C-alpha atoms as a PDB file:
ATOM      1  CA  MET A   1      79.738 112.251  87.402  1.00  0.00           C
ATOM      2  CA  LYS A   2      82.387 111.820  90.048  1.00  0.00           C
ATOM      3  CA  ASN A   3      85.225 114.290  90.110  1.00  0.00           C
ATOM      4  CA  LEU A   4      88.706 113.149  89.170  1.00  0.00           C
ATOM      5  CA  GLN A   5      89.896 112.709  92.771  1.00  0.00           C
ATOM      6  CA  SER A   6      86.887 110.539  93.599  1.00  0.00           C
ATOM      7  CA  GLN A   7      87.464 108.428  90.498  1.00  0.00           C
ATOM      8  CA  ARG A   8      91.102 107.909  91.464  1.00  0.00           C
ATOM      9  CA  THR A   9      90.233 106.966  95.036  1.00  0.00           C
ATOM     10  CA  ASP A  10      87.572 104.538  93.848  1.00  0.00           C
ATOM     11  CA  LYS A  11      90.032 102.916  91.423  1.00  0.00           C
ATOM     12  CA  MET A  12      92.680 102.660  94.142  1.00  0.00           C
ATOM     13  CA  ILE A  13      90.183 100.943  96.456  1.00  0.00           C
ATOM     14  CA  ARG A  14      89.226  98.461  93.746  1.00  0.00           C
ATOM     15  CA  ASP A  15      92.860  97.800  92.833  1.00  0.00           C
ATOM     16  CA  ALA A  16      93.834  97.282  96.476  1.00  0.00           C
ATOM     17  CA  PHE A  17      90.961  94.859  96.974  1.00  0.00           C
ATOM     18  CA  ILE A  18      91.961  92.839  93.902  1.00  0.00           C
ATOM     19  CA  ALA A  19      95.601  92.799  95.046  1.00  0.00           C
ATOM     20  CA  LEU A  20      94.543  91.516  98.465  1.00  0.00           C
ATOM     21  CA  LEU A  21      92.391  88.820  96.822  1.00  0.00           C
ATOM     22  CA  LYS A  22      95.519  87.557  95.085  1.00  0.00           C
ATOM     23  CA  GLN A  23      97.211  87.193  98.477  1.00  0.00           C
ATOM     24  CA  LYS A  24      94.446  85.803 100.695  1.00  0.00           C
ATOM     25  CA  ASP A  25      90.902  84.467 100.808  1.00  0.00           C
ATOM     26  CA  PHE A  26      87.984  86.889 100.661  1.00  0.00           C
ATOM     27  CA  LYS A  27      86.890  85.972 104.184  1.00  0.00           C
ATOM     28  CA  ASN A  28      90.275  87.084 105.539  1.00  0.00           C
ATOM     29  CA  ILE A  29      90.203  90.536 103.944  1.00  0.00           C
ATOM     30  CA  THR A  30      89.033  93.450 106.077  1.00  0.00           C
ATOM     31  CA  VAL A  31      88.009  96.980 105.243  1.00  0.00           C
ATOM     32  CA  THR A  32      90.871  98.144 107.446  1.00  0.00           C
ATOM     33  CA  GLN A  33      93.379  96.235 105.303  1.00  0.00           C
ATOM     34  CA  ILE A  34      91.939  97.713 102.113  1.00  0.00           C
ATOM     35  CA  ALA A  35      92.035 101.222 103.570  1.00  0.00           C
ATOM     36  CA  GLN A  36      95.602 100.792 104.815  1.00  0.00           C
ATOM     37  CA  LYS A  37      96.755  99.551 101.414  1.00  0.00           C
ATOM     38  CA  VAL A  38      95.234 102.638  99.763  1.00  0.00           C
ATOM     39  CA  MET A  39      96.406 104.883 102.620  1.00  0.00           C
ATOM     40  CA  ILE A  40      92.939 106.250 103.272  1.00  0.00           C
ATOM     41  CA  ASN A  41      90.772 106.406 106.365  1.00  0.00           C
ATOM     42  CA  ARG A  42      88.247 103.578 106.819  1.00  0.00           C
ATOM     43  CA  GLN A  43      85.514 106.204 106.758  1.00  0.00           C
ATOM     44  CA  THR A  44      86.620 107.198 103.264  1.00  0.00           C
ATOM     45  CA  PHE A  45      86.136 103.595 102.172  1.00  0.00           C
ATOM     46  CA  TYR A  46      82.576 103.748 103.504  1.00  0.00           C
ATOM     47  CA  CYS A  47      81.888 106.836 101.377  1.00  0.00           C
ATOM     48  CA  TYR A  48      82.282 104.558  98.347  1.00  0.00           C
ATOM     49  CA  TYR A  49      81.067 101.148  99.562  1.00  0.00           C
ATOM     50  CA  SER A  50      78.911  99.932 102.433  1.00  0.00           C
ATOM     51  CA  ASP A  51      81.270  97.001 103.133  1.00  0.00           C
ATOM     52  CA  LYS A  52      83.626  94.561 101.414  1.00  0.00           C
ATOM     53  CA  TYR A  53      80.625  92.594 100.118  1.00  0.00           C
ATOM     54  CA  ASP A  54      79.271  95.685  98.380  1.00  0.00           C
ATOM     55  CA  LEU A  55      82.702  96.271  96.802  1.00  0.00           C
ATOM     56  CA  ALA A  56      82.873  92.652  95.612  1.00  0.00           C
ATOM     57  CA  ASP A  57      79.318  92.828  94.233  1.00  0.00           C
ATOM     58  CA  GLN A  58      80.003  96.029  92.312  1.00  0.00           C
ATOM     59  CA  LEU A  59      83.219  94.627  90.845  1.00  0.00           C
ATOM     60  CA  THR A  60      81.389  91.458  89.824  1.00  0.00           C
ATOM     61  CA  GLU A  61      78.596  93.459  88.188  1.00  0.00           C
ATOM     62  CA  LYS A  62      81.119  95.566  86.299  1.00  0.00           C
ATOM     63  CA  ALA A  63      83.002  92.476  85.092  1.00  0.00           C
ATOM     64  CA  LEU A  64      79.793  90.785  83.986  1.00  0.00           C
ATOM     65  CA  GLY A  65      78.721  93.928  82.156  1.00  0.00           C
ATOM     66  CA  MET A  66      82.024  94.056  80.299  1.00  0.00           C
ATOM     67  CA  LEU A  67      81.727  90.368  79.413  1.00  0.00           C
ATOM     68  CA  GLU A  68      78.189  90.905  78.191  1.00  0.00           C
ATOM     69  CA  GLU A  69      79.364  93.742  75.930  1.00  0.00           C
ATOM     70  CA  LEU A  70      82.070  91.516  74.461  1.00  0.00           C
ATOM     71  CA  ILE A  71      79.576  88.769  73.720  1.00  0.00           C
ATOM     72  CA  GLU A  72      77.245  91.173  71.903  1.00  0.00           C
END
């Protein structure tokens, strides 16, 4: 299980990514922009995700899992 600080950082990364998606197209979002929004180093981002596609995939999987639970 991740420690509390890691959980917070991961949530901040996800929240920043979602906020950026509301402002611009996925193709125009960079890891640098996500990191700047969270005020972390780009390398910290890469400790959690391999790239923005990995982040998007994990968020999609989580959303689908939640939807699946609601359906059941």
